[in-house]
Each structure stands twice: as C-alpha cells, then as structure tokens.
C-alpha atoms as a PDB file:
ATOM      1  CA  MET A   1       0.000   0.000   0.000  1.00  0.00           C
ATOM      2  CA  GLU A   2       2.945   2.297   0.670  1.00  0.00           C
ATOM      3  CA  GLU A   3       4.053   1.945  -2.951  1.00  0.00           C
ATOM      4  CA  LEU A   4       0.623   3.095  -4.143  1.00  0.00           C
ATOM      5  CA  ASN A   5       1.172   6.474  -2.500  1.00  0.00           C
ATOM      6  CA  CYS A   6       2.703   9.167  -4.671  1.00  0.00           C
ATOM      7  CA  GLU A   7       5.373  11.000  -2.693  1.00  0.00           C
ATOM      8  CA  THR A   8       5.948  14.740  -2.987  1.00  0.00           C
ATOM      9  CA  ALA A   9       9.404  15.477  -4.364  1.00  0.00           C
ATOM     10  CA  PHE A  10       9.438  19.172  -3.385  1.00  0.00           C
ATOM     11  CA  THR A  11       7.139  22.130  -2.961  1.00  0.00           C
ATOM     12  CA  ILE A  12       7.008  25.450  -4.787  1.00  0.00           C
ATOM     13  CA  PRO A  13       6.153  28.442  -2.560  1.00  0.00           C
ATOM     14  CA  VAL A  14       3.570  29.864  -4.969  1.00  0.00           C
ATOM     15  CA  PHE A  15      -0.041  30.522  -3.886  1.00  0.00           C
ATOM     16  CA  GLY A  16       0.753  28.976  -0.534  1.00  0.00           C
ATOM     17  CA  SER A  17       2.684  25.888  -1.501  1.00  0.00           C
ATOM     18  CA  ILE A  18       2.312  23.685  -4.571  1.00  0.00           C
ATOM     19  CA  GLY A  19       3.527  20.150  -4.103  1.00  0.00           C
ATOM     20  CA  ILE A  20       5.342  18.557  -7.052  1.00  0.00           C
ATOM     21  CA  ALA A  21       4.835  14.801  -7.129  1.00  0.00           C
ATOM     22  CA  GLU A  22       7.851  12.548  -7.525  1.00  0.00           C
ATOM     23  CA  SER A  23       6.396  11.139 -10.740  1.00  0.00           C
ATOM     24  CA  VAL A  24       6.197  14.662 -12.216  1.00  0.00           C
ATOM     25  CA  ALA A  25       9.780  15.446 -11.191  1.00  0.00           C
ATOM     26  CA  VAL A  26      11.057  12.211 -12.755  1.00  0.00           C
ATOM     27  CA  THR A  27       9.033  12.977 -15.895  1.00  0.00           C
ATOM     28  CA  TRP A  28      10.827  16.332 -16.126  1.00  0.00           C
ATOM     29  CA  VAL A  29      14.141  14.468 -15.857  1.00  0.00           C
ATOM     30  CA  ILE A  30      13.089  12.134 -18.680  1.00  0.00           C
ATOM     31  CA  MET A  31      11.961  15.057 -20.857  1.00  0.00           C
ATOM     32  CA  LEU A  32      15.252  16.879 -20.254  1.00  0.00           C
ATOM     33  CA  ALA A  33      17.309  13.768 -20.993  1.00  0.00           C
ATOM     34  CA  LEU A  34      15.440  12.978 -24.223  1.00  0.00           C
ATOM     35  CA  THR A  35      15.671  16.611 -25.353  1.00  0.00           C
ATOM     36  CA  LEU A  36      19.424  16.806 -24.715  1.00  0.00           C
ATOM     37  CA  ILE A  37      20.030  13.460 -26.426  1.00  0.00           C
ATOM     38  CA  SER A  38      17.970  14.597 -29.429  1.00  0.00           C
ATOM     39  CA  ILE A  39      20.005  17.807 -29.708  1.00  0.00           C
ATOM     40  CA  LEU A  40      23.334  15.992 -29.400  1.00  0.00           C
ATOM     41  CA  VAL A  41      22.628  13.196 -31.885  1.00  0.00           C
ATOM     42  CA  SER A  42      21.076  15.546 -34.467  1.00  0.00           C
ATOM     43  CA  LYS A  43      24.032  17.927 -34.627  1.00  0.00           C
ATOM     44  CA  ASN A  44      26.221  17.986 -37.735  1.00  0.00           C
ATOM     45  CA  LEU A  45      23.864  15.870 -39.849  1.00  0.00           C
ATOM     46  CA  LYS A  46      24.873  15.594 -43.507  1.00  0.00           C
ATOM     47  CA  VAL A  47      22.836  15.071 -46.644  1.00  0.00           C
ATOM     48  CA  GLU A  48      25.803  13.669 -48.544  1.00  0.00           C
ATOM     49  CA  ASN A  49      28.373  11.190 -47.245  1.00  0.00           C
ATOM     50  CA  PRO A  50      26.812  10.658 -43.795  1.00  0.00           C
ATOM     51  CA  GLY A  51      28.932   8.967 -41.170  1.00  0.00           C
ATOM     52  CA  LYS A  52      28.283   5.594 -39.548  1.00  0.00           C
ATOM     53  CA  GLY A  53      26.710   7.250 -36.523  1.00  0.00           C
ATOM     54  CA  GLN A  54      24.216   9.166 -38.663  1.00  0.00           C
ATOM     55  CA  LEU A  55      23.383   6.041 -40.681  1.00  0.00           C
ATOM     56  CA  LEU A  56      22.754   4.126 -37.460  1.00  0.00           C
ATOM     57  CA  LEU A  57      20.564   6.967 -36.143  1.00  0.00           C
ATOM     58  CA  GLU A  58      18.575   7.181 -39.377  1.00  0.00           C
ATOM     59  CA  THR A  59      18.092   3.407 -39.395  1.00  0.00           C
ATOM     60  CA  GLY A  60      16.769   3.457 -35.834  1.00  0.00           C
ATOM     61  CA  VAL A  61      14.407   6.392 -36.412  1.00  0.00           C
ATOM     62  CA  SER A  62      13.167   4.975 -39.723  1.00  0.00           C
ATOM     63  CA  GLY A  63      12.603   1.562 -38.183  1.00  0.00           C
ATOM     64  CA  LEU A  64      10.624   3.042 -35.291  1.00  0.00           C
ATOM     65  CA  HIS A  65       8.625   5.247 -37.680  1.00  0.00           C
ATOM     66  CA  ASN A  66       7.801   2.357 -40.004  1.00  0.00           C
ATOM     67  CA  MET A  67       6.787   0.129 -37.081  1.00  0.00           C
ATOM     68  CA  VAL A  68       4.313   2.716 -35.751  1.00  0.00           C
ATOM     69  CA  GLN A  69       3.133   3.554 -39.290  1.00  0.00           C
ATOM     70  CA  ASP A  70       2.289  -0.099 -39.915  1.00  0.00           C
ATOM     71  CA  MET A  71       0.284  -0.232 -36.672  1.00  0.00           C
ATOM     72  CA  VAL A  72      -1.742   2.927 -37.259  1.00  0.00           C
ATOM     73  CA  GLY A  73      -2.318   2.455 -40.991  1.00  0.00           C
ATOM     74  CA  GLU A  74      -1.971   4.809 -43.947  1.00  0.00           C
ATOM     75  CA  LYS A  75      -4.807   7.158 -42.925  1.00  0.00           C
ATOM     76  CA  GLY A  76      -3.351   7.594 -39.450  1.00  0.00           C
ATOM     77  CA  GLY A  77       0.059   8.726 -40.661  1.00  0.00           C
ATOM     78  CA  ARG A  78      -0.321  12.238 -39.202  1.00  0.00           C
ATOM     79  CA  TYR A  79      -0.438  10.745 -35.700  1.00  0.00           C
ATOM     80  CA  VAL A  80       2.827   8.803 -35.973  1.00  0.00           C
ATOM     81  CA  PRO A  81       5.039  11.533 -34.369  1.00  0.00           C
ATOM     82  CA  TYR A  82       2.799  11.658 -31.290  1.00  0.00           C
ATOM     83  CA  LEU A  83       2.741   7.871 -30.972  1.00  0.00           C
ATOM     84  CA  MET A  84       6.525   7.679 -31.347  1.00  0.00           C
ATOM     85  CA  THR A  85       6.915  10.275 -28.601  1.00  0.00           C
ATOM     86  CA  VAL A  86       4.601   8.357 -26.271  1.00  0.00           C
ATOM     87  CA  LEU A  87       6.480   5.138 -27.042  1.00  0.00           C
ATOM     88  CA  LEU A  88       9.812   6.745 -26.156  1.00  0.00           C
ATOM     89  CA  TYR A  89       8.470   8.339 -22.980  1.00  0.00           C
ATOM     90  CA  ILE A  90       6.766   5.206 -21.623  1.00  0.00           C
ATOM     91  CA  GLY A  91       9.743   3.041 -22.592  1.00  0.00           C
ATOM     92  CA  VAL A  92      12.190   5.276 -20.717  1.00  0.00           C
ATOM     93  CA  ALA A  93       9.769   5.782 -17.810  1.00  0.00           C
ATOM     94  CA  ASN A  94       9.402   2.019 -17.367  1.00  0.00           C
ATOM     95  CA  ILE A  95      13.147   1.264 -17.378  1.00  0.00           C
ATOM     96  CA  ILE A  96      14.288   4.296 -15.386  1.00  0.00           C
ATOM     97  CA  GLY A  97      14.207   2.141 -12.257  1.00  0.00           C
ATOM     98  CA  LEU A  98      17.568   0.772 -13.433  1.00  0.00           C
ATOM     99  CA  PHE A  99      19.030   4.227 -12.695  1.00  0.00           C
ATOM    100  CA  GLY A 100      17.629   4.477  -9.182  1.00  0.00           C
ATOM    101  CA  PHE A 101      14.442   6.444  -9.980  1.00  0.00           C
ATOM    102  CA  LYS A 102      10.886   5.332  -9.305  1.00  0.00           C
ATOM    103  CA  PRO A 103       9.042   4.750 -12.604  1.00  0.00           C
ATOM    104  CA  PRO A 104       6.491   7.553 -13.186  1.00  0.00           C
ATOM    105  CA  THR A 105       4.130   4.975 -14.685  1.00  0.00           C
ATOM    106  CA  LYS A 106       3.863   3.450 -11.193  1.00  0.00           C
ATOM    107  CA  ASP A 107       1.768   6.513 -10.345  1.00  0.00           C
ATOM    108  CA  LEU A 108      -1.864   5.936 -11.312  1.00  0.00           C
ATOM    109  CA  THR A 109      -2.377   9.621 -12.161  1.00  0.00           C
ATOM    110  CA  VAL A 110       0.359   9.390 -14.831  1.00  0.00           C
ATOM    111  CA  THR A 111      -1.194   6.382 -16.553  1.00  0.00           C
ATOM    112  CA  VAL A 112      -4.636   8.022 -16.325  1.00  0.00           C
ATOM    113  CA  ALA A 113      -3.263  11.152 -18.025  1.00  0.00           C
ATOM    114  CA  LEU A 114      -1.658   9.074 -20.789  1.00  0.00           C
ATOM    115  CA  ALA A 115      -4.884   7.115 -21.326  1.00  0.00           C
ATOM    116  CA  VAL A 116      -7.044  10.260 -21.440  1.00  0.00           C
ATOM    117  CA  MET A 117      -4.671  11.899 -23.945  1.00  0.00           C
ATOM    118  CA  SER A 118      -4.809   8.802 -26.126  1.00  0.00           C
ATOM    119  CA  ILE A 119      -8.602   8.471 -26.067  1.00  0.00           C
ATOM    120  CA  LEU A 120      -9.028  12.193 -26.879  1.00  0.00           C
ATOM    121  CA  LEU A 121      -6.695  11.740 -29.844  1.00  0.00           C
ATOM    122  CA  ILE A 122      -8.640   8.664 -30.965  1.00  0.00           C
ATOM    123  CA  GLU A 123     -11.984  10.478 -30.903  1.00  0.00           C
ATOM    124  CA  PHE A 124     -10.440  13.557 -32.544  1.00  0.00           C
ATOM    125  CA  ALA A 125      -9.115  11.337 -35.343  1.00  0.00           C
ATOM    126  CA  GLY A 126     -12.587   9.890 -35.859  1.00  0.00           C
ATOM    127  CA  ILE A 127     -14.246  13.327 -35.970  1.00  0.00           C
ATOM    128  CA  ARG A 128     -11.570  14.681 -38.323  1.00  0.00           C
ATOM    129  CA  GLU A 129     -12.009  11.785 -40.739  1.00  0.00           C
ATOM    130  CA  LYS A 130     -15.801  11.297 -40.620  1.00  0.00           C
ATOM    131  CA  GLY A 131     -17.103  14.683 -39.513  1.00  0.00           C
ATOM    132  CA  VAL A 132     -19.272  15.198 -36.448  1.00  0.00           C
ATOM    133  CA  LYS A 133     -22.356  13.569 -38.017  1.00  0.00           C
ATOM    134  CA  GLY A 134     -20.418  10.574 -39.279  1.00  0.00           C
ATOM    135  CA  TRP A 135     -18.700  10.201 -35.898  1.00  0.00           C
ATOM    136  CA  LEU A 136     -22.062  10.219 -34.090  1.00  0.00           C
ATOM    137  CA  LYS A 137     -23.516   7.735 -36.581  1.00  0.00           C
ATOM    138  CA  SER A 138     -20.595   5.376 -35.936  1.00  0.00           C
ATOM    139  CA  PHE A 139     -21.949   4.711 -32.441  1.00  0.00           C
ATOM    140  CA  ALA A 140     -24.932   2.969 -34.049  1.00  0.00           C
ATOM    141  CA  GLN A 141     -22.783   0.575 -36.060  1.00  0.00           C
ATOM    142  CA  PRO A 142     -23.099  -2.227 -36.977  1.00  0.00           C
ATOM    143  CA  VAL A 143     -26.677  -2.093 -35.646  1.00  0.00           C
ATOM    144  CA  ALA A 144     -28.524   0.527 -33.601  1.00  0.00           C
ATOM    145  CA  ILE A 145     -28.893  -1.793 -30.603  1.00  0.00           C
ATOM    146  CA  MET A 146     -25.108  -1.587 -30.112  1.00  0.00           C
ATOM    147  CA  THR A 147     -25.248   2.187 -29.428  1.00  0.00           C
ATOM    148  CA  PRO A 148     -25.133   1.947 -25.591  1.00  0.00           C
ATOM    149  CA  PHE A 149     -22.196  -0.461 -25.745  1.00  0.00           C
ATOM    150  CA  ASN A 150     -20.303   1.707 -28.236  1.00  0.00           C
ATOM    151  CA  ILE A 151     -20.813   4.738 -25.985  1.00  0.00           C
ATOM    152  CA  LEU A 152     -19.618   2.702 -23.012  1.00  0.00           C
ATOM    153  CA  GLU A 153     -16.381   2.048 -24.894  1.00  0.00           C
ATOM    154  CA  LEU A 154     -15.503   5.730 -24.431  1.00  0.00           C
ATOM    155  CA  VAL A 155     -14.939   4.861 -20.771  1.00  0.00           C
ATOM    156  CA  ILE A 156     -13.754   1.269 -21.163  1.00  0.00           C
ATOM    157  CA  ARG A 157     -10.929   2.036 -23.602  1.00  0.00           C
ATOM    158  CA  PRO A 158      -9.037   4.608 -21.512  1.00  0.00           C
ATOM    159  CA  LEU A 159      -9.685   2.551 -18.376  1.00  0.00           C
ATOM    160  CA  SER A 160      -8.193  -0.553 -19.974  1.00  0.00           C
ATOM    161  CA  LEU A 161      -5.181   1.364 -21.299  1.00  0.00           C
ATOM    162  CA  CYS A 162      -4.612   2.969 -17.910  1.00  0.00           C
ATOM    163  CA  MET A 163      -5.010  -0.093 -15.710  1.00  0.00           C
ATOM    164  CA  ARG A 164      -3.015  -2.406 -17.990  1.00  0.00           C
ATOM    165  CA  LEU A 165       0.022  -0.121 -17.936  1.00  0.00           C
ATOM    166  CA  PHE A 166      -0.306   0.783 -14.243  1.00  0.00           C
ATOM    167  CA  GLY A 167      -0.898  -2.810 -13.109  1.00  0.00           C
ATOM    168  CA  ASN A 168       2.043  -4.271 -15.001  1.00  0.00           C
ATOM    169  CA  VAL A 169       4.524  -1.597 -13.904  1.00  0.00           C
ATOM    170  CA  LEU A 170       3.396  -1.667 -10.265  1.00  0.00           C
ATOM    171  CA  GLY A 171       3.365  -5.465 -10.240  1.00  0.00           C
ATOM    172  CA  ALA A 172       6.914  -5.651 -11.599  1.00  0.00           C
ATOM    173  CA  PHE A 173       8.062  -3.053  -9.051  1.00  0.00           C
ATOM    174  CA  VAL A 174       6.536  -4.947  -6.099  1.00  0.00           C
ATOM    175  CA  ILE A 175       7.963  -8.298  -7.266  1.00  0.00           C
ATOM    176  CA  MET A 176      11.449  -6.798  -7.539  1.00  0.00           C
ATOM    177  CA  GLU A 177      11.183  -5.322  -4.039  1.00  0.00           C
ATOM    178  CA  LEU A 178      10.167  -8.727  -2.643  1.00  0.00           C
ATOM    179  CA  ILE A 179      13.036 -10.474  -4.436  1.00  0.00           C
ATOM    180  CA  LYS A 180      15.510  -7.920  -3.100  1.00  0.00           C
ATOM    181  CA  GLN A 181      14.313  -8.559   0.460  1.00  0.00           C
ATOM    182  CA  VAL A 182      14.566 -12.351   0.171  1.00  0.00           C
ATOM    183  CA  VAL A 183      17.809 -12.625  -1.833  1.00  0.00           C
ATOM    184  CA  PRO A 184      19.459  -9.193  -1.900  1.00  0.00           C
ATOM    185  CA  ALA A 185      22.775 -10.297  -3.436  1.00  0.00           C
ATOM    186  CA  VAL A 186      23.152 -11.492  -7.035  1.00  0.00           C
ATOM    187  CA  VAL A 187      19.814 -13.179  -7.805  1.00  0.00           C
ATOM    188  CA  PRO A 188      17.812  -9.929  -8.386  1.00  0.00           C
ATOM    189  CA  VAL A 189      20.061  -8.913 -11.317  1.00  0.00           C
ATOM    190  CA  PRO A 190      18.555 -11.179 -14.033  1.00  0.00           C
ATOM    191  CA  PHE A 191      15.050 -10.514 -12.691  1.00  0.00           C
ATOM    192  CA  SER A 192      15.735  -6.773 -12.856  1.00  0.00           C
ATOM    193  CA  LEU A 193      16.818  -7.105 -16.478  1.00  0.00           C
ATOM    194  CA  TYR A 194      13.504  -8.809 -17.243  1.00  0.00           C
ATOM    195  CA  PHE A 195      11.040  -6.743 -15.195  1.00  0.00           C
ATOM    196  CA  ASP A 196      12.740  -3.341 -15.507  1.00  0.00           C
ATOM    197  CA  LEU A 197      14.047  -3.637 -19.066  1.00  0.00           C
ATOM    198  CA  PHE A 198      12.301  -6.250 -21.200  1.00  0.00           C
ATOM    199  CA  ASP A 199       8.851  -6.098 -19.590  1.00  0.00           C
ATOM    200  CA  GLY A 200       9.006  -2.280 -19.394  1.00  0.00           C
ATOM    201  CA  LEU A 201       9.660  -1.967 -23.126  1.00  0.00           C
ATOM    202  CA  ILE A 202       6.965  -4.534 -23.903  1.00  0.00           C
ATOM    203  CA  GLN A 203       4.402  -2.524 -21.915  1.00  0.00           C
ATOM    204  CA  ALA A 204       5.354   0.644 -23.817  1.00  0.00           C
ATOM    205  CA  TYR A 205       4.849  -1.210 -27.104  1.00  0.00           C
ATOM    206  CA  VAL A 206       1.488  -2.653 -26.002  1.00  0.00           C
ATOM    207  CA  PHE A 207       0.177   0.774 -24.955  1.00  0.00           C
ATOM    208  CA  VAL A 208       1.108   2.363 -28.287  1.00  0.00           C
ATOM    209  CA  PHE A 209      -0.084  -0.673 -30.243  1.00  0.00           C
ATOM    210  CA  LEU A 210      -3.558  -0.506 -28.689  1.00  0.00           C
ATOM    211  CA  THR A 211      -3.759   3.269 -29.161  1.00  0.00           C
ATOM    212  CA  SER A 212      -2.720   2.850 -32.807  1.00  0.00           C
ATOM    213  CA  LEU A 213      -5.300   0.095 -33.287  1.00  0.00           C
ATOM    214  CA  PHE A 214      -8.073   2.285 -31.884  1.00  0.00           C
ATOM    215  CA  ILE A 215      -7.004   5.211 -34.113  1.00  0.00           C
ATOM    216  CA  LYS A 216      -6.972   2.922 -37.143  1.00  0.00           C
ATOM    217  CA  GLU A 217     -10.501   1.786 -36.327  1.00  0.00           C
ATOM    218  CA  ALA A 218     -11.618   5.402 -35.872  1.00  0.00           C
ATOM    219  CA  VAL A 219     -10.374   6.639 -39.248  1.00  0.00           C
ATOM    220  CA  GLU A 220     -11.316   3.654 -41.410  1.00  0.00           C
END
C-alpha cells in the first residue's frame, strides 16, 4: 500500500505551496534527458556522405517510424510523431528504475493522463475523418442496438489502457522489491533485467499498439 502512495518530491512556494509529485519530477528528468540526447545526436547531420553514426541513427528512427506507421495504418500517418513520442516516454519511464528512480508509470495519475490523452486523440481522429455527423452515426454501427455499448467504450478504452500499464509496472516493481528482500545479493540482477528492461519496453509497445489500433478503427 505504501508503494501506491505518490510522494511529494518538493514544494514550490507559490499561492501557498504547490507540491510537485515525484512522478512529475522524474518525468521532467526524462523530458530533459530525451531533449538533450535529441540535440546531441542531431548535430552535424549531412545530406551527402553521412557517417556511420548518422546512418545508425537514421536506421533506428526509420525503423521506429515504419513500425508505428504499420500499426496505425496509412490514414493515421499524421499521428505517428505523437505515438513515437509516447512510445519513447513510456519506454524510458518504465526502465528508469535501473538508474535508481521510481518509474512515473507506477503513479496511477500518470497512466490516467496518458490514457485520457490517447482516447481524446482517438476520438479527434474519428471526428476529423468522418465529420461530427459521421462520428455520431458510428456509435450505431453495426446495428442501432449496439449504441449503448459503443458509448460505453468511451470509458472502457481509456480505463483498460490505464489499468493495464499501471498494473504491469506496479506489479513488476513490487515483485522486484520482494526479491531484493529475500535474496538481496546477485539473484535480483537477471530478474531486474527482465522486469525493468524487457517487460518495461513490452508494456510501452502494447500501450502504443492498442492506441494505434483504436485510431486505425476510428479513421477507417
């Protein structure tokens, strides 16, 4: 139960005192790190005769772009940059425990915010593609009797995205803490590589995959 509580990292003496949650502070660290890395790796790029480092960078970015593009479909291409950004953020947030930080995605409010952002984007994509009337008519498909269930999906989808990510990250965190208490020496290392690294990246992929799938359904 203690791990479910979101600790306050520090307070800002504005309008009394505004508490900054630890998950928000760690998110700022992730944003700063990704921004600095982006600036460093994108310096001195060449159109002709690129170096090995640039070729490796372009291969990685192109591979990530093509992977997300395949998930979201041709009509959802305009949403690929957002989905790539979310994938990078969640991936880093899930594995940041390896560097001594608490994963922000262990905070339910963070996963709720990510889920709400995704569902708003999904509905926006549907309205943009079909228009307001077409979007409203889609709730009655394939038959009118399905309307209440289709409306209910507006709540079910973000809830499922939120709880899947939160539950997996929190579960992995608790398991690692238990393993460290029982066998604190060498045994936790391979488990940490699985839960903090492999499972964390898988959860980032699953979140973006489901969001992409819902966007694809909304625009087709």
